[in-house]
Amino acid sequence: MSEQHDRPPGLLATIRAVLWSFAGIRRKSDYQRDAAQLKPLHVIIAGIVGGVVFVLVIVAVVKLVVMNAAS
């Protein structure tokens, strides 16, 4: 086996899996690979951080639009 398969997936793999799950587009084989390799705690943390960032971006965009509409 190659060294890549021997190492646990890193932060980038976890973030990628969470972003794909936010989009709702995922191949079954990719999902099964992620479920077997990724640590649940890392996925939960990345999901919470991703959700908070998403909400903050939406709030910032709404504030910007309302501020520009009031001018």
N, C-alpha and C. Protein backbone atom coordinates (compact mmCIF):
# COMPACT_ATOMS: atom_id res chain seq x y z
N MET A 1 0.83 -1.19 0.00
CA MET A 1 0.00 0.00 0.00
C MET A 1 0.86 1.24 0.00
N SER A 2 0.30 2.31 -0.51
CA SER A 2 1.06 3.56 -0.52
C SER A 2 0.95 4.24 0.83
N GLU A 3 1.85 5.19 1.03
CA GLU A 3 1.84 5.91 2.31
C GLU A 3 0.57 6.74 2.47
N GLN A 4 0.01 7.19 1.37
CA GLN A 4 -1.18 8.03 1.44
C GLN A 4 -2.34 7.28 2.10
N HIS A 5 -2.45 5.97 1.87
CA HIS A 5 -3.54 5.20 2.45
C HIS A 5 -3.26 4.82 3.90
N ASP A 6 -1.99 4.90 4.32
CA ASP A 6 -1.63 4.55 5.68
C ASP A 6 -1.90 5.68 6.66
N ARG A 7 -1.87 6.90 6.19
CA ARG A 7 -2.07 8.05 7.07
C ARG A 7 -3.56 8.36 7.20
N PRO A 8 -3.97 8.85 8.36
CA PRO A 8 -5.37 9.28 8.50
C PRO A 8 -5.59 10.55 7.71
N PRO A 9 -6.81 10.78 7.24
CA PRO A 9 -7.09 11.99 6.47
C PRO A 9 -6.87 13.23 7.33
N GLY A 10 -6.48 14.30 6.70
CA GLY A 10 -6.17 15.52 7.42
C GLY A 10 -7.32 16.49 7.47
N LEU A 11 -7.00 17.69 7.86
CA LEU A 11 -7.99 18.76 8.01
C LEU A 11 -8.67 19.07 6.69
N LEU A 12 -7.91 19.10 5.61
CA LEU A 12 -8.48 19.43 4.30
C LEU A 12 -9.53 18.40 3.88
N ALA A 13 -9.28 17.14 4.13
CA ALA A 13 -10.25 16.09 3.78
C ALA A 13 -11.53 16.24 4.60
N THR A 14 -11.40 16.62 5.86
CA THR A 14 -12.57 16.82 6.71
C THR A 14 -13.38 18.01 6.23
N ILE A 15 -12.70 19.11 5.93
CA ILE A 15 -13.40 20.31 5.45
C ILE A 15 -14.09 20.03 4.12
N ARG A 16 -13.40 19.31 3.24
CA ARG A 16 -13.98 18.98 1.94
C ARG A 16 -15.25 18.14 2.12
N ALA A 17 -15.22 17.17 3.01
CA ALA A 17 -16.39 16.32 3.25
C ALA A 17 -17.55 17.13 3.81
N VAL A 18 -17.26 18.05 4.72
CA VAL A 18 -18.31 18.88 5.30
C VAL A 18 -18.90 19.82 4.26
N LEU A 19 -18.07 20.43 3.44
CA LEU A 19 -18.58 21.33 2.40
C LEU A 19 -19.44 20.59 1.38
N TRP A 20 -19.02 19.38 1.00
CA TRP A 20 -19.84 18.59 0.09
C TRP A 20 -21.17 18.24 0.73
N SER A 21 -21.17 17.98 2.02
CA SER A 21 -22.43 17.65 2.69
C SER A 21 -23.33 18.87 2.79
N PHE A 22 -22.74 20.06 2.94
CA PHE A 22 -23.56 21.28 2.92
C PHE A 22 -24.23 21.45 1.56
N ALA A 23 -23.51 21.13 0.49
CA ALA A 23 -24.06 21.25 -0.86
C ALA A 23 -25.07 20.15 -1.15
N GLY A 24 -24.96 19.03 -0.47
CA GLY A 24 -25.90 17.93 -0.67
C GLY A 24 -25.58 17.09 -1.89
N ILE A 25 -24.38 17.25 -2.42
CA ILE A 25 -23.98 16.50 -3.60
C ILE A 25 -22.83 15.59 -3.19
N ARG A 26 -23.07 14.28 -3.25
CA ARG A 26 -22.04 13.35 -2.78
C ARG A 26 -22.23 12.00 -3.45
N ARG A 27 -21.14 11.43 -3.93
CA ARG A 27 -21.21 10.07 -4.46
C ARG A 27 -21.20 9.09 -3.29
N LYS A 28 -21.88 7.98 -3.47
CA LYS A 28 -21.98 7.00 -2.39
C LYS A 28 -20.60 6.46 -2.01
N SER A 29 -19.75 6.25 -2.99
CA SER A 29 -18.41 5.72 -2.70
C SER A 29 -17.59 6.72 -1.88
N ASP A 30 -17.72 8.01 -2.20
CA ASP A 30 -17.01 9.04 -1.42
C ASP A 30 -17.54 9.12 0.00
N TYR A 31 -18.85 9.03 0.14
CA TYR A 31 -19.45 9.05 1.47
C TYR A 31 -18.96 7.87 2.31
N GLN A 32 -18.95 6.69 1.71
CA GLN A 32 -18.51 5.50 2.45
C GLN A 32 -17.05 5.60 2.84
N ARG A 33 -16.21 6.14 1.96
CA ARG A 33 -14.79 6.31 2.27
C ARG A 33 -14.62 7.30 3.42
N ASP A 34 -15.35 8.42 3.37
CA ASP A 34 -15.26 9.41 4.44
C ASP A 34 -15.77 8.85 5.76
N ALA A 35 -16.86 8.10 5.71
CA ALA A 35 -17.42 7.53 6.94
C ALA A 35 -16.45 6.54 7.58
N ALA A 36 -15.67 5.86 6.76
CA ALA A 36 -14.72 4.89 7.30
C ALA A 36 -13.44 5.54 7.81
N GLN A 37 -13.05 6.68 7.23
CA GLN A 37 -11.74 7.26 7.54
C GLN A 37 -11.79 8.46 8.49
N LEU A 38 -12.79 9.31 8.35
CA LEU A 38 -12.81 10.55 9.12
C LEU A 38 -13.26 10.30 10.56
N LYS A 39 -12.72 11.09 11.45
CA LYS A 39 -13.10 10.99 12.86
C LYS A 39 -14.37 11.81 13.09
N PRO A 40 -15.37 11.22 13.72
CA PRO A 40 -16.64 11.92 13.92
C PRO A 40 -16.50 13.26 14.65
N LEU A 41 -15.64 13.33 15.65
CA LEU A 41 -15.46 14.58 16.38
C LEU A 41 -14.95 15.69 15.46
N HIS A 42 -14.03 15.36 14.57
CA HIS A 42 -13.50 16.35 13.63
C HIS A 42 -14.60 16.83 12.67
N VAL A 43 -15.44 15.90 12.22
CA VAL A 43 -16.52 16.26 11.32
C VAL A 43 -17.53 17.16 12.03
N ILE A 44 -17.85 16.85 13.28
CA ILE A 44 -18.80 17.67 14.05
C ILE A 44 -18.25 19.07 14.24
N ILE A 45 -16.99 19.18 14.63
CA ILE A 45 -16.38 20.50 14.83
C ILE A 45 -16.36 21.29 13.53
N ALA A 46 -15.95 20.64 12.44
CA ALA A 46 -15.91 21.32 11.14
C ALA A 46 -17.31 21.74 10.71
N GLY A 47 -18.30 20.92 10.98
CA GLY A 47 -19.68 21.26 10.64
C GLY A 47 -20.20 22.46 11.42
N ILE A 48 -19.89 22.50 12.70
CA ILE A 48 -20.32 23.64 13.53
C ILE A 48 -19.62 24.92 13.06
N VAL A 49 -18.31 24.84 12.84
CA VAL A 49 -17.57 26.02 12.38
C VAL A 49 -18.09 26.46 11.01
N GLY A 50 -18.31 25.51 10.12
CA GLY A 50 -18.84 25.85 8.79
C GLY A 50 -20.22 26.48 8.87
N GLY A 51 -21.07 25.96 9.74
CA GLY A 51 -22.41 26.53 9.92
C GLY A 51 -22.36 27.94 10.47
N VAL A 52 -21.49 28.18 11.44
CA VAL A 52 -21.35 29.52 12.02
C VAL A 52 -20.84 30.50 10.97
N VAL A 53 -19.84 30.08 10.20
CA VAL A 53 -19.30 30.95 9.14
C VAL A 53 -20.39 31.25 8.11
N PHE A 54 -21.16 30.25 7.73
CA PHE A 54 -22.25 30.45 6.77
C PHE A 54 -23.27 31.47 7.28
N VAL A 55 -23.68 31.32 8.53
CA VAL A 55 -24.66 32.25 9.11
C VAL A 55 -24.08 33.67 9.18
N LEU A 56 -22.82 33.80 9.58
CA LEU A 56 -22.21 35.13 9.66
C LEU A 56 -22.10 35.79 8.30
N VAL A 57 -21.80 35.02 7.27
CA VAL A 57 -21.74 35.57 5.91
C VAL A 57 -23.13 36.04 5.47
N ILE A 58 -24.15 35.24 5.73
CA ILE A 58 -25.52 35.63 5.37
C ILE A 58 -25.93 36.91 6.11
N VAL A 59 -25.63 37.00 7.39
CA VAL A 59 -25.97 38.19 8.17
C VAL A 59 -25.23 39.40 7.62
N ALA A 60 -23.97 39.26 7.28
CA ALA A 60 -23.19 40.38 6.73
C ALA A 60 -23.76 40.84 5.39
N VAL A 61 -24.14 39.89 4.53
CA VAL A 61 -24.71 40.26 3.23
C VAL A 61 -26.03 40.98 3.42
N VAL A 62 -26.88 40.50 4.31
CA VAL A 62 -28.17 41.14 4.56
C VAL A 62 -27.96 42.56 5.11
N LYS A 63 -27.05 42.72 6.05
CA LYS A 63 -26.77 44.06 6.59
C LYS A 63 -26.27 45.00 5.51
N LEU A 64 -25.41 44.50 4.64
CA LEU A 64 -24.88 45.31 3.55
C LEU A 64 -25.99 45.73 2.61
N VAL A 65 -26.87 44.81 2.26
CA VAL A 65 -27.98 45.13 1.34
C VAL A 65 -28.93 46.12 1.99
N VAL A 66 -29.27 45.93 3.25
CA VAL A 66 -30.19 46.84 3.94
C VAL A 66 -29.57 48.23 4.09
N MET A 67 -28.29 48.27 4.40
CA MET A 67 -27.60 49.55 4.54
C MET A 67 -27.58 50.30 3.21
N ASN A 68 -27.33 49.60 2.11
CA ASN A 68 -27.30 50.24 0.80
C ASN A 68 -28.70 50.63 0.32
N ALA A 69 -29.71 49.88 0.72
CA ALA A 69 -31.08 50.18 0.32
C ALA A 69 -31.60 51.40 1.06
N ALA A 70 -31.12 51.62 2.29
CA ALA A 70 -31.58 52.75 3.08
C ALA A 70 -30.93 54.06 2.61
N SER A 71 -29.85 53.99 1.89
CA SER A 71 -29.14 55.22 1.45
C SER A 71 -29.82 55.91 0.32
